[in-house]
PDB file of N, CA and C in Angstrom:
ATOM      1  N   MET A   1      51.705 -13.833  90.706  1.00  0.00           N
ATOM      2  CA  MET A   1      50.135 -13.622  91.288  1.00  0.00           C
ATOM      3  C   MET A   1      49.983 -12.058  91.904  1.00  0.00           C
ATOM      4  N   ARG A   2      48.896 -11.378  91.560  1.00  0.00           N
ATOM      5  CA  ARG A   2      48.407  -9.888  92.105  1.00  0.00           C
ATOM      6  C   ARG A   2      46.777 -10.229  92.784  1.00  0.00           C
ATOM      7  N   ILE A   3      46.661  -9.772  93.469  1.00  0.00           N
ATOM      8  CA  ILE A   3      45.347 -10.381  94.370  1.00  0.00           C
ATOM      9  C   ILE A   3      45.189  -8.714  94.729  1.00  0.00           C
ATOM     10  N   ILE A   4      43.774  -8.980  94.385  1.00  0.00           N
ATOM     11  CA  ILE A   4      42.761  -7.600  94.572  1.00  0.00           C
ATOM     12  C   ILE A   4      41.131  -7.804  95.324  1.00  0.00           C
ATOM     13  N   GLN A   5      41.685  -7.115  96.808  1.00  0.00           N
ATOM     14  CA  GLN A   5      40.628  -7.567  97.045  1.00  0.00           C
ATOM     15  C   GLN A   5      40.124  -6.194  97.692  1.00  0.00           C
ATOM     16  N   SER A   6      40.783  -4.988  97.262  1.00  0.00           N
ATOM     17  CA  SER A   6      40.438  -3.451  98.033  1.00  0.00           C
ATOM     18  C   SER A   6      40.700  -3.305  97.333  1.00  0.00           C
ATOM     19  N   ARG A   7      40.086  -1.093  97.532  1.00  0.00           N
ATOM     20  CA  ARG A   7      40.528  -0.186  96.207  1.00  0.00           C
ATOM     21  C   ARG A   7      42.111  -0.144  96.354  1.00  0.00           C
ATOM     22  N   LYS A   8      42.590  -0.091  98.037  1.00  0.00           N
ATOM     23  CA  LYS A   8      44.464   0.106  97.667  1.00  0.00           C
ATOM     24  C   LYS A   8      44.371  -0.511  96.944  1.00  0.00           C
ATOM     25  N   ASP A   9      44.379  -1.953  96.834  1.00  0.00           N
ATOM     26  CA  ASP A   9      44.903  -2.988  95.882  1.00  0.00           C
ATOM     27  C   ASP A   9      45.270  -2.762  94.520  1.00  0.00           C
ATOM     28  N   ILE A  10      44.515  -2.073  94.222  1.00  0.00           N
ATOM     29  CA  ILE A  10      44.207  -1.034  93.004  1.00  0.00           C
ATOM     30  C   ILE A  10      45.514  -0.133  92.692  1.00  0.00           C
ATOM     31  N   GLU A  11      45.046   0.406  93.674  1.00  0.00           N
ATOM     32  CA  GLU A  11      45.884   1.700  93.343  1.00  0.00           C
ATOM     33  C   GLU A  11      47.598   1.611  93.679  1.00  0.00           C
ATOM     34  N   ARG A  12      47.734   0.259  95.226  1.00  0.00           N
ATOM     35  CA  ARG A  12      49.101  -0.240  94.798  1.00  0.00           C
ATOM     36  C   ARG A  12      49.594  -0.621  93.291  1.00  0.00           C
ATOM     37  N   LEU A  13      48.674  -1.837  92.638  1.00  0.00           N
ATOM     38  CA  LEU A  13      49.137  -1.689  91.317  1.00  0.00           C
ATOM     39  C   LEU A  13      49.629  -0.536  90.712  1.00  0.00           C
ATOM     40  N   GLN A  14      48.545   0.389  90.481  1.00  0.00           N
ATOM     41  CA  GLN A  14      48.801   2.088  89.938  1.00  0.00           C
ATOM     42  C   GLN A  14      49.881   2.274  90.485  1.00  0.00           C
ATOM     43  N   SER A  15      50.253   2.262  91.587  1.00  0.00           N
ATOM     44  CA  SER A  15      52.051   2.475  91.794  1.00  0.00           C
ATOM     45  C   SER A  15      53.028   1.866  91.246  1.00  0.00           C
ATOM     46  N   GLU A  16      52.750   0.361  91.477  1.00  0.00           N
ATOM     47  CA  GLU A  16      54.345   0.397  91.302  1.00  0.00           C
ATOM     48  C   GLU A  16      54.272  -0.582  90.142  1.00  0.00           C
ATOM     49  N   GLY A  17      53.245   0.024  88.865  1.00  0.00           N
ATOM     50  CA  GLY A  17      53.433  -0.008  87.251  1.00  0.00           C
ATOM     51  C   GLY A  17      53.852  -1.739  87.032  1.00  0.00           C
ATOM     52  N   ALA A  18      53.842  -3.119  87.793  1.00  0.00           N
ATOM     53  CA  ALA A  18      53.284  -3.829  87.391  1.00  0.00           C
ATOM     54  C   ALA A  18      51.869  -4.140  86.394  1.00  0.00           C
ATOM     55  N   VAL A  19      51.707  -4.311  86.087  1.00  0.00           N
ATOM     56  CA  VAL A  19      50.971  -4.529  85.483  1.00  0.00           C
ATOM     57  C   VAL A  19      50.283  -2.735  84.558  1.00  0.00           C
ATOM     58  N   PRO A  20      50.192  -3.008  83.171  1.00  0.00           N
ATOM     59  CA  PRO A  20      49.474  -1.899  82.067  1.00  0.00           C
ATOM     60  C   PRO A  20      48.750  -1.416  82.530  1.00  0.00           C
ATOM     61  N   LEU A  21      48.620   0.348  82.632  1.00  0.00           N
ATOM     62  CA  LEU A  21      47.245   0.899  83.060  1.00  0.00           C
ATOM     63  C   LEU A  21      46.246   0.579  82.166  1.00  0.00           C
ATOM     64  N   ASP A  22      45.763   0.007  80.998  1.00  0.00           N
ATOM     65  CA  ASP A  22      44.724  -0.326  80.286  1.00  0.00           C
ATOM     66  C   ASP A  22      43.687  -1.355  81.280  1.00  0.00           C
ATOM     67  N   LEU A  23      44.684  -1.872  82.233  1.00  0.00           N
ATOM     68  CA  LEU A  23      44.095  -3.428  82.268  1.00  0.00           C
ATOM     69  C   LEU A  23      43.959  -3.223  83.498  1.00  0.00           C
ATOM     70  N   ILE A  24      44.753  -1.552  84.525  1.00  0.00           N
ATOM     71  CA  ILE A  24      44.312  -1.555  85.655  1.00  0.00           C
ATOM     72  C   ILE A  24      42.911  -0.877  85.930  1.00  0.00           C
ATOM     73  N   GLU A  25      42.280  -0.563  84.354  1.00  0.00           N
ATOM     74  CA  GLU A  25      41.285   0.327  83.989  1.00  0.00           C
ATOM     75  C   GLU A  25      39.907  -0.529  84.114  1.00  0.00           C
ATOM     76  N   VAL A  26      40.282  -1.975  83.300  1.00  0.00           N
ATOM     77  CA  VAL A  26      39.622  -2.827  83.769  1.00  0.00           C
ATOM     78  C   VAL A  26      39.089  -3.060  84.821  1.00  0.00           C
ATOM     79  N   ILE A  27      39.907  -3.442  85.232  1.00  0.00           N
ATOM     80  CA  ILE A  27      39.872  -4.446  86.925  1.00  0.00           C
ATOM     81  C   ILE A  27      39.130  -3.189  87.907  1.00  0.00           C
ATOM     82  N   GLU A  28      40.065  -2.263  87.426  1.00  0.00           N
ATOM     83  CA  GLU A  28      39.012  -1.181  88.233  1.00  0.00           C
ATOM     84  C   GLU A  28      36.985  -1.011  88.195  1.00  0.00           C
ATOM     85  N   LYS A  29      37.425  -1.069  86.746  1.00  0.00           N
ATOM     86  CA  LYS A  29      35.857  -1.385  86.343  1.00  0.00           C
ATOM     87  C   LYS A  29      34.921  -2.538  87.434  1.00  0.00           C
ATOM     88  N   ASP A  30      35.730  -3.575  86.950  1.00  0.00           N
ATOM     89  CA  ASP A  30      35.087  -4.806  87.490  1.00  0.00           C
ATOM     90  C   ASP A  30      35.263  -4.977  88.821  1.00  0.00           C
ATOM     91  N   PHE A  31      36.096  -4.119  89.618  1.00  0.00           N
ATOM     92  CA  PHE A  31      36.272  -4.016  91.086  1.00  0.00           C
ATOM     93  C   PHE A  31      35.075  -3.158  91.368  1.00  0.00           C
ATOM     94  N   LEU A  32      34.358  -1.905  90.671  1.00  0.00           N
ATOM     95  CA  LEU A  32      33.275  -1.746  91.108  1.00  0.00           C
ATOM     96  C   LEU A  32      32.000  -1.636  91.258  1.00  0.00           C
ATOM     97  N   LEU A  33      31.816  -2.781  90.223  1.00  0.00           N
ATOM     98  CA  LEU A  33      30.335  -3.991  89.456  1.00  0.00           C
ATOM     99  C   LEU A  33      30.313  -4.348  90.579  1.00  0.00           C
ATOM    100  N   MET A  34      31.591  -5.093  91.056  1.00  0.00           N
ATOM    101  CA  MET A  34      31.429  -6.566  92.488  1.00  0.00           C
ATOM    102  C   MET A  34      30.804  -5.385  93.304  1.00  0.00           C
ATOM    103  N   VAL A  35      31.215  -4.582  93.742  1.00  0.00           N
ATOM    104  CA  VAL A  35      30.976  -4.453  95.367  1.00  0.00           C
ATOM    105  C   VAL A  35      29.590  -3.228  94.941  1.00  0.00           C
ATOM    106  N   GLN A  36      29.148  -2.809  93.797  1.00  0.00           N
ATOM    107  CA  GLN A  36      27.922  -2.519  93.399  1.00  0.00           C
ATOM    108  C   GLN A  36      27.294  -3.663  94.230  1.00  0.00           C
ATOM    109  N   ALA A  37      27.521  -4.773  92.986  1.00  0.00           N
ATOM    110  CA  ALA A  37      26.628  -6.424  93.341  1.00  0.00           C
ATOM    111  C   ALA A  37      26.347  -6.637  94.950  1.00  0.00           C
ATOM    112  N   GLU A  38      27.118  -6.218  95.852  1.00  0.00           N
ATOM    113  CA  GLU A  38      27.890  -6.523  96.971  1.00  0.00           C
ATOM    114  C   GLU A  38      26.978  -5.626  97.352  1.00  0.00           C
ATOM    115  N   GLU A  39      26.595  -4.656  97.694  1.00  0.00           N
ATOM    116  CA  GLU A  39      25.997  -3.541  99.154  1.00  0.00           C
ATOM    117  C   GLU A  39      26.097  -2.140  98.268  1.00  0.00           C
ATOM    118  N   SER A  40      24.815  -1.322  98.334  1.00  0.00           N
ATOM    119  CA  SER A  40      25.020  -0.029  98.139  1.00  0.00           C
ATOM    120  C   SER A  40      24.676   0.694  99.087  1.00  0.00           C
ATOM    121  N   ASN A  41      25.448   2.113  98.577  1.00  0.00           N
ATOM    122  CA  ASN A  41      25.861   2.747  99.238  1.00  0.00           C
ATOM    123  C   ASN A  41      27.483   2.765 100.201  1.00  0.00           C
ATOM    124  N   VAL A  42      28.040   1.564  99.954  1.00  0.00           N
ATOM    125  CA  VAL A  42      29.402   1.551 100.220  1.00  0.00           C
ATOM    126  C   VAL A  42      30.500   2.142 100.394  1.00  0.00           C
ATOM    127  N   ASP A  43      31.176   2.114 101.447  1.00  0.00           N
ATOM    128  CA  ASP A  43      32.717   3.251 100.968  1.00  0.00           C
ATOM    129  C   ASP A  43      33.279   2.442 100.622  1.00  0.00           C
ATOM    130  N   ILE A  44      33.681   2.685  99.564  1.00  0.00           N
ATOM    131  CA  ILE A  44      34.765   1.431  98.832  1.00  0.00           C
ATOM    132  C   ILE A  44      36.353   1.567  99.108  1.00  0.00           C
ATOM    133  N   THR A  45      36.316   3.031 100.055  1.00  0.00           N
ATOM    134  CA  THR A  45      37.980   3.252 100.539  1.00  0.00           C
ATOM    135  C   THR A  45      38.086   2.140 101.270  1.00  0.00           C
ATOM    136  N   ASN A  46      37.502   1.783 102.186  1.00  0.00           N
ATOM    137  CA  ASN A  46      37.963   0.414 102.879  1.00  0.00           C
ATOM    138  C   ASN A  46      37.052  -0.562 103.112  1.00  0.00           C
ATOM    139  N   TRP A  47      36.350  -0.821 101.697  1.00  0.00           N
ATOM    140  CA  TRP A  47      35.770  -2.014 101.441  1.00  0.00           C
ATOM    141  C   TRP A  47      36.786  -2.874 101.098  1.00  0.00           C
ATOM    142  N   LYS A  48      36.301  -4.425 101.444  1.00  0.00           N
ATOM    143  CA  LYS A  48      36.942  -5.656 100.582  1.00  0.00           C
ATOM    144  C   LYS A  48      36.509  -6.853 100.444  1.00  0.00           C
ATOM    145  N   LEU A  49      36.858  -7.126  99.333  1.00  0.00           N
ATOM    146  CA  LEU A  49      35.946  -8.497  98.922  1.00  0.00           C
ATOM    147  C   LEU A  49      36.949  -9.710  99.462  1.00  0.00           C
ATOM    148  N   PRO A  50      36.279 -10.438  99.967  1.00  0.00           N
ATOM    149  CA  PRO A  50      36.410 -11.767 100.584  1.00  0.00           C
ATOM    150  C   PRO A  50      37.449 -12.585  99.402  1.00  0.00           C
ATOM    151  N   TYR A  51      38.744 -13.469  99.748  1.00  0.00           N
ATOM    152  CA  TYR A  51      39.749 -13.871  99.324  1.00  0.00           C
ATOM    153  C   TYR A  51      38.942 -14.707  97.849  1.00  0.00           C
ATOM    154  N   TYR A  52      38.260 -15.174  98.123  1.00  0.00           N
ATOM    155  CA  TYR A  52      37.376 -16.239  97.095  1.00  0.00           C
ATOM    156  C   TYR A  52      37.116 -15.135  95.829  1.00  0.00           C
ATOM    157  N   LYS A  53      36.737 -13.983  96.105  1.00  0.00           N
ATOM    158  CA  LYS A  53      35.829 -13.699  95.158  1.00  0.00           C
ATOM    159  C   LYS A  53      36.573 -12.609  94.480  1.00  0.00           C
ATOM    160  N   SER A  54      38.384 -12.744  94.828  1.00  0.00           N
ATOM    161  CA  SER A  54      39.256 -11.578  95.009  1.00  0.00           C
ATOM    162  C   SER A  54      39.264 -11.517  93.273  1.00  0.00           C
ATOM    163  N   LEU A  55      39.687 -10.334  92.740  1.00  0.00           N
ATOM    164  CA  LEU A  55      40.494 -10.490  90.977  1.00  0.00           C
ATOM    165  C   LEU A  55      41.777 -10.969  91.296  1.00  0.00           C
ATOM    166  N   VAL A  56      41.665 -11.425  89.822  1.00  0.00           N
ATOM    167  CA  VAL A  56      43.467 -11.991  90.381  1.00  0.00           C
ATOM    168  C   VAL A  56      44.034 -11.499  89.098  1.00  0.00           C
ATOM    169  N   VAL A  57      45.422 -11.194  88.638  1.00  0.00           N
ATOM    170  CA  VAL A  57      46.201 -11.021  87.937  1.00  0.00           C
ATOM    171  C   VAL A  57      47.262 -11.866  87.861  1.00  0.00           C
ATOM    172  N   LEU A  58      47.116 -13.038  87.027  1.00  0.00           N
ATOM    173  CA  LEU A  58      47.705 -14.170  86.453  1.00  0.00           C
ATOM    174  C   LEU A  58      49.301 -13.758  85.752  1.00  0.00           C
ATOM    175  N   GLU A  59      50.294 -13.670  86.029  1.00  0.00           N
ATOM    176  CA  GLU A  59      51.973 -13.094  85.520  1.00  0.00           C
ATOM    177  C   GLU A  59      52.240 -14.160  84.995  1.00  0.00           C
ATOM    178  N   GLU A  60      53.289 -14.180  84.716  1.00  0.00           N
ATOM    179  CA  GLU A  60      54.551 -15.027  83.745  1.00  0.00           C
ATOM    180  C   GLU A  60      54.878 -16.250  85.305  1.00  0.00           C
ATOM    181  N   ASN A  61      55.048 -17.148  84.875  1.00  0.00           N
ATOM    182  CA  ASN A  61      55.308 -18.554  85.882  1.00  0.00           C
ATOM    183  C   ASN A  61      54.189 -18.556  86.614  1.00  0.00           C
ATOM    184  N   ASP A  62      52.978 -17.857  86.714  1.00  0.00           N
ATOM    185  CA  ASP A  62      51.726 -18.843  87.397  1.00  0.00           C
ATOM    186  C   ASP A  62      51.195 -20.156  86.473  1.00  0.00           C
ATOM    187  N   SER A  63      50.862 -21.127  87.804  1.00  0.00           N
ATOM    188  CA  SER A  63      50.569 -21.749  86.802  1.00  0.00           C
ATOM    189  C   SER A  63      48.769 -22.283  87.447  1.00  0.00           C
ATOM    190  N   LEU A  64      48.025 -21.564  85.649  1.00  0.00           N
ATOM    191  CA  LEU A  64      46.732 -21.010  85.973  1.00  0.00           C
ATOM    192  C   LEU A  64      45.517 -22.667  86.079  1.00  0.00           C
ATOM    193  N   ASN A  65      46.576 -23.729  85.721  1.00  0.00           N
ATOM    194  CA  ASN A  65      45.893 -24.819  86.752  1.00  0.00           C
ATOM    195  C   ASN A  65      45.794 -25.232  88.027  1.00  0.00           C
ATOM    196  N   GLN A  66      46.772 -24.463  88.823  1.00  0.00           N
ATOM    197  CA  GLN A  66      46.747 -24.531  90.314  1.00  0.00           C
ATOM    198  C   GLN A  66      45.838 -23.317  90.661  1.00  0.00           C
ATOM    199  N   VAL A  67      45.950 -22.262  90.401  1.00  0.00           N
ATOM    200  CA  VAL A  67      44.492 -21.441  90.937  1.00  0.00           C
ATOM    201  C   VAL A  67      43.112 -21.695  90.260  1.00  0.00           C
ATOM    202  N   ILE A  68      42.879 -22.340  89.365  1.00  0.00           N
ATOM    203  CA  ILE A  68      41.813 -22.460  89.024  1.00  0.00           C
ATOM    204  C   ILE A  68      41.618 -23.880  89.435  1.00  0.00           C
ATOM    205  N   GLY A  69      42.072 -24.977  89.901  1.00  0.00           N
ATOM    206  CA  GLY A  69      41.963 -26.653  90.426  1.00  0.00           C
ATOM    207  C   GLY A  69      40.625 -27.136  89.322  1.00  0.00           C
ATOM    208  N   ASN A  70      40.117 -27.260  89.501  1.00  0.00           N
ATOM    209  CA  ASN A  70      39.193 -28.000  88.616  1.00  0.00           C
ATOM    210  C   ASN A  70      38.490 -27.525  87.614  1.00  0.00           C
ATOM    211  N   PRO A  71      38.682 -27.727  86.202  1.00  0.00           N
ATOM    212  CA  PRO A  71      38.552 -27.121  85.428  1.00  0.00           C
ATOM    213  C   PRO A  71      37.224 -26.875  85.061  1.00  0.00           C
ATOM    214  N   ILE A  72      36.238 -27.454  86.070  1.00  0.00           N
ATOM    215  CA  ILE A  72      35.089 -27.704  85.981  1.00  0.00           C
ATOM    216  C   ILE A  72      34.224 -26.405  86.329  1.00  0.00           C
ATOM    217  N   PHE A  73      35.103 -26.210  87.627  1.00  0.00           N
ATOM    218  CA  PHE A  73      34.849 -24.562  87.804  1.00  0.00           C
ATOM    219  C   PHE A  73      34.785 -23.710  87.274  1.00  0.00           C
ATOM    220  N   MET A  74      35.186 -23.676  86.034  1.00  0.00           N
ATOM    221  CA  MET A  74      35.312 -22.287  84.856  1.00  0.00           C
ATOM    222  C   MET A  74      34.306 -22.122  84.540  1.00  0.00           C
ATOM    223  N   GLU A  75      33.942 -21.072  84.484  1.00  0.00           N
ATOM    224  CA  GLU A  75      32.812 -20.980  84.395  1.00  0.00           C
ATOM    225  C   GLU A  75      32.905 -20.353  82.783  1.00  0.00           C
ATOM    226  N   TYR A  76      33.450 -19.485  82.434  1.00  0.00           N
ATOM    227  CA  TYR A  76      33.607 -18.699  80.850  1.00  0.00           C
ATOM    228  C   TYR A  76      35.177 -18.429  80.389  1.00  0.00           C
ATOM    229  N   VAL A  77      35.670 -17.935  79.494  1.00  0.00           N
ATOM    230  CA  VAL A  77      36.762 -16.928  79.027  1.00  0.00           C
ATOM    231  C   VAL A  77      36.417 -16.914  77.730  1.00  0.00           C
ATOM    232  N   GLU A  78      36.686 -15.209  78.084  1.00  0.00           N
ATOM    233  CA  GLU A  78      36.919 -14.238  77.214  1.00  0.00           C
ATOM    234  C   GLU A  78      38.119 -13.845  76.762  1.00  0.00           C
ATOM    235  N   GLU A  79      38.528 -13.454  75.109  1.00  0.00           N
ATOM    236  CA  GLU A  79      40.085 -12.734  75.136  1.00  0.00           C
ATOM    237  C   GLU A  79      38.807 -11.495  74.857  1.00  0.00           C
ATOM    238  N   ASN A  80      39.577 -10.355  75.695  1.00  0.00           N
ATOM    239  CA  ASN A  80      39.864  -9.388  75.036  1.00  0.00           C
ATOM    240  C   ASN A  80      40.778  -8.374  74.755  1.00  0.00           C
ATOM    241  N   LYS A  81      40.379  -7.066  74.616  1.00  0.00           N
ATOM    242  CA  LYS A  81      41.806  -6.519  73.718  1.00  0.00           C
ATOM    243  C   LYS A  81      41.844  -5.162  74.603  1.00  0.00           C
ATOM    244  N   CYS A  82      42.478  -4.420  75.183  1.00  0.00           N
ATOM    245  CA  CYS A  82      43.389  -3.393  75.523  1.00  0.00           C
ATOM    246  C   CYS A  82      43.176  -2.215  74.329  1.00  0.00           C
ATOM    247  N   LYS A  83      43.873  -1.340  74.748  1.00  0.00           N
ATOM    248  CA  LYS A  83      44.442  -0.423  73.830  1.00  0.00           C
ATOM    249  C   LYS A  83      45.675  -0.855  72.668  1.00  0.00           C
ATOM    250  N   SER A  84      46.408  -1.334  74.040  1.00  0.00           N
ATOM    251  CA  SER A  84      47.984  -2.219  73.854  1.00  0.00           C
ATOM    252  C   SER A  84      47.849  -3.182  73.589  1.00  0.00           C
ATOM    253  N   PHE A  85      47.605  -4.740  74.061  1.00  0.00           N
ATOM    254  CA  PHE A  85      47.237  -5.986  73.706  1.00  0.00           C
ATOM    255  C   PHE A  85      45.860  -6.487  74.203  1.00  0.00           C
ATOM    256  N   LYS A  86      46.058  -7.639  74.073  1.00  0.00           N
ATOM    257  CA  LYS A  86      44.868  -8.709  74.486  1.00  0.00           C
ATOM    258  C   LYS A  86      45.425  -9.734  76.050  1.00  0.00           C
ATOM    259  N   TYR A  87      43.977 -10.031  76.691  1.00  0.00           N
ATOM    260  CA  TYR A  87      43.957 -10.610  77.903  1.00  0.00           C
ATOM    261  C   TYR A  87      42.908 -11.182  77.667  1.00  0.00           C
ATOM    262  N   TYR A  88      43.393 -12.579  78.414  1.00  0.00           N
ATOM    263  CA  TYR A  88      42.161 -13.000  78.784  1.00  0.00           C
ATOM    264  C   TYR A  88      40.879 -12.540  80.424  1.00  0.00           C
ATOM    265  N   LYS A  89      39.856 -12.809  79.895  1.00  0.00           N
ATOM    266  CA  LYS A  89      39.677 -12.972  81.284  1.00  0.00           C
ATOM    267  C   LYS A  89      38.575 -14.287  81.580  1.00  0.00           C
ATOM    268  N   ILE A  90      39.103 -14.906  82.992  1.00  0.00           N
ATOM    269  CA  ILE A  90      38.812 -15.771  83.284  1.00  0.00           C
ATOM    270  C   ILE A  90      38.065 -16.210  84.547  1.00  0.00           C
ATOM    271  N   VAL A  91      36.989 -16.262  84.117  1.00  0.00           N
ATOM    272  CA  VAL A  91      36.200 -16.622  85.634  1.00  0.00           C
ATOM    273  C   VAL A  91      35.741 -17.745  86.160  1.00  0.00           C
ATOM    274  N   ARG A  92      35.858 -18.096  87.418  1.00  0.00           N
ATOM    275  CA  ARG A  92      35.930 -19.506  88.195  1.00  0.00           C
ATOM    276  C   ARG A  92      34.424 -19.183  89.345  1.00  0.00           C
ATOM    277  N   ARG A  93      34.201 -20.443  89.049  1.00  0.00           N
ATOM    278  CA  ARG A  93      33.080 -20.204  90.153  1.00  0.00           C
ATOM    279  C   ARG A  93      33.030 -20.751  91.105  1.00  0.00           C
ATOM    280  N   HIS A  94      32.242 -20.483  92.106  1.00  0.00           N
ATOM    281  CA  HIS A  94      33.100 -21.052  93.777  1.00  0.00           C
ATOM    282  C   HIS A  94      31.688 -20.963  94.283  1.00  0.00           C
ATOM    283  N   ASP A  95      31.463 -21.946  94.355  1.00  0.00           N
ATOM    284  CA  ASP A  95      29.586 -22.166  94.457  1.00  0.00           C
ATOM    285  C   ASP A  95      28.816 -21.154  94.163  1.00  0.00           C
ATOM    286  N   HIS A  96      28.665 -20.343  94.835  1.00  0.00           N
ATOM    287  CA  HIS A  96      27.257 -19.062  94.112  1.00  0.00           C
ATOM    288  C   HIS A  96      27.609 -17.980  93.738  1.00  0.00           C
ATOM    289  N   ASP A  97      29.345 -17.944  93.530  1.00  0.00           N
ATOM    290  CA  ASP A  97      29.724 -16.447  93.780  1.00  0.00           C
ATOM    291  C   ASP A  97      31.052 -16.973  93.120  1.00  0.00           C
ATOM    292  N   PHE A  98      31.757 -15.764  92.287  1.00  0.00           N
ATOM    293  CA  PHE A  98      32.824 -16.098  90.944  1.00  0.00           C
ATOM    294  C   PHE A  98      34.287 -15.503  91.371  1.00  0.00           C
ATOM    295  N   GLN A  99      34.744 -15.542  91.111  1.00  0.00           N
ATOM    296  CA  GLN A  99      36.388 -15.086  90.834  1.00  0.00           C
ATOM    297  C   GLN A  99      36.917 -14.479  89.453  1.00  0.00           C
ATOM    298  N   VAL A 100      37.186 -13.572  89.454  1.00  0.00           N
ATOM    299  CA  VAL A 100      37.641 -13.036  88.396  1.00  0.00           C
ATOM    300  C   VAL A 100      39.356 -13.452  88.023  1.00  0.00           C
ATOM    301  N   LEU A 101      39.884 -13.822  86.981  1.00  0.00           N
ATOM    302  CA  LEU A 101      41.013 -14.218  86.953  1.00  0.00           C
ATOM    303  C   LEU A 101      41.382 -12.960  85.256  1.00  0.00           C
ATOM    304  N   TYR A 102      42.634 -12.396  85.216  1.00  0.00           N
ATOM    305  CA  TYR A 102      43.402 -11.735  84.433  1.00  0.00           C
ATOM    306  C   TYR A 102      44.410 -12.223  83.969  1.00  0.00           C
ATOM    307  N   ALA A 103      44.775 -12.001  82.536  1.00  0.00           N
ATOM    308  CA  ALA A 103      45.967 -12.423  82.097  1.00  0.00           C
ATOM    309  C   ALA A 103      46.403 -11.891  80.644  1.00  0.00           C
ATOM    310  N   ARG A 104      47.632 -11.665  80.440  1.00  0.00           N
ATOM    311  CA  ARG A 104      47.911 -11.092  79.546  1.00  0.00           C
ATOM    312  C   ARG A 104      48.186 -12.545  78.352  1.00  0.00           C
ATOM    313  N   VAL A 105      47.528 -12.252  76.394  1.00  0.00           N
ATOM    314  CA  VAL A 105      47.632 -13.248  75.818  1.00  0.00           C
ATOM    315  C   VAL A 105      49.149 -13.700  75.914  1.00  0.00           C
ATOM    316  N   GLY A 106      49.397 -15.128  75.780  1.00  0.00           N
ATOM    317  CA  GLY A 106      50.929 -15.522  75.571  1.00  0.00           C
ATOM    318  C   GLY A 106      51.366 -15.282  76.773  1.00  0.00           C
ATOM    319  N   THR A 107      50.630 -15.573  77.924  1.00  0.00           N
ATOM    320  CA  THR A 107      51.319 -15.417  79.475  1.00  0.00           C
ATOM    321  C   THR A 107      51.325 -16.759  79.825  1.00  0.00           C
ATOM    322  N   PHE A 108      50.779 -17.906  79.428  1.00  0.00           N
ATOM    323  CA  PHE A 108      50.934 -19.084  79.730  1.00  0.00           C
ATOM    324  C   PHE A 108      51.803 -20.223  78.553  1.00  0.00           C
ATOM    325  N   ASP A 109      52.047 -21.554  79.027  1.00  0.00           N
ATOM    326  CA  ASP A 109      53.176 -22.167  78.265  1.00  0.00           C
ATOM    327  C   ASP A 109      51.942 -22.335  76.682  1.00  0.00           C
ATOM    328  N   LYS A 110      52.662 -22.855  75.600  1.00  0.00           N
ATOM    329  CA  LYS A 110      51.827 -23.334  74.351  1.00  0.00           C
ATOM    330  C   LYS A 110      50.890 -23.853  74.861  1.00  0.00           C
ATOM    331  N   LYS A 111      50.826 -24.940  75.656  1.00  0.00           N
ATOM    332  CA  LYS A 111      49.812 -26.024  75.649  1.00  0.00           C
ATOM    333  C   LYS A 111      48.444 -25.438  76.555  1.00  0.00           C
ATOM    334  N   THR A 112      48.518 -24.265  77.345  1.00  0.00           N
ATOM    335  CA  THR A 112      48.151 -23.776  78.050  1.00  0.00           C
ATOM    336  C   THR A 112      47.069 -23.045  77.913  1.00  0.00           C
ATOM    337  N   GLU A 113      47.731 -21.679  76.122  1.00  0.00           N
ATOM    338  CA  GLU A 113      47.175 -20.845  75.627  1.00  0.00           C
ATOM    339  C   GLU A 113      46.147 -21.325  74.579  1.00  0.00           C
ATOM    340  N   MET A 114      46.747 -22.767  74.118  1.00  0.00           N
ATOM    341  CA  MET A 114      46.383 -23.192  72.953  1.00  0.00           C
ATOM    342  C   MET A 114      44.581 -23.922  73.696  1.00  0.00           C
ATOM    343  N   TRP A 115      44.395 -24.674  75.100  1.00  0.00           N
ATOM    344  CA  TRP A 115      43.983 -24.762  75.765  1.00  0.00           C
ATOM    345  C   TRP A 115      42.651 -23.020  75.710  1.00  0.00           C
ATOM    346  N   LEU A 116      43.008 -22.703  76.436  1.00  0.00           N
ATOM    347  CA  LEU A 116      42.289 -20.908  76.807  1.00  0.00           C
ATOM    348  C   LEU A 116      41.256 -20.501  75.003  1.00  0.00           C
ATOM    349  N   ARG A 117      42.441 -20.953  74.565  1.00  0.00           N
ATOM    350  CA  ARG A 117      41.627 -20.429  72.899  1.00  0.00           C
ATOM    351  C   ARG A 117      40.318 -21.047  72.870  1.00  0.00           C
ATOM    352  N   SER A 118      40.790 -22.829  72.950  1.00  0.00           N
ATOM    353  CA  SER A 118      39.365 -24.058  72.540  1.00  0.00           C
ATOM    354  C   SER A 118      38.217 -23.496  73.276  1.00  0.00           C
ATOM    355  N   ILE A 119      38.212 -22.625  74.772  1.00  0.00           N
ATOM    356  CA  ILE A 119      37.232 -22.634  75.660  1.00  0.00           C
ATOM    357  C   ILE A 119      37.310 -21.272  75.743  1.00  0.00           C
ATOM    358  N   LYS A 120      37.114 -20.394  74.929  1.00  0.00           N
ATOM    359  CA  LYS A 120      36.701 -18.820  75.299  1.00  0.00           C
ATOM    360  C   LYS A 120      35.784 -18.915  74.316  1.00  0.00           C
ATOM    361  N   GLU A 121      34.615 -17.985  75.077  1.00  0.00           N
ATOM    362  CA  GLU A 121      33.585 -17.855  74.500  1.00  0.00           C
ATOM    363  C   GLU A 121      33.783 -16.830  72.935  1.00  0.00           C
TER     364      GLU A 121
END
């Protein structure tokens, strides 16, 4: 699991190469939208999302159930396509805020993948 709370976290993802560049571009765009929603005229170099609003990249062996907790807190699931693969964008509600999770399609066990497909928008 990769937690993104700052611009430095995105840069670390790029340098490590653990997440495809296509998905990093999506994450960066979403991060900038979240920053703009929080504050205007902010220096994103040192700005940091609170943990409960962080962007999360789920990887193999990560348990979606453990991350989500109660499924009632899931706001929605989308299946999107990058240039070279499909991924889920899973939005989890936390009071009046949201946390966005990303996972490549096929990351989870068969039962979880079927469940995600059944609830996606």
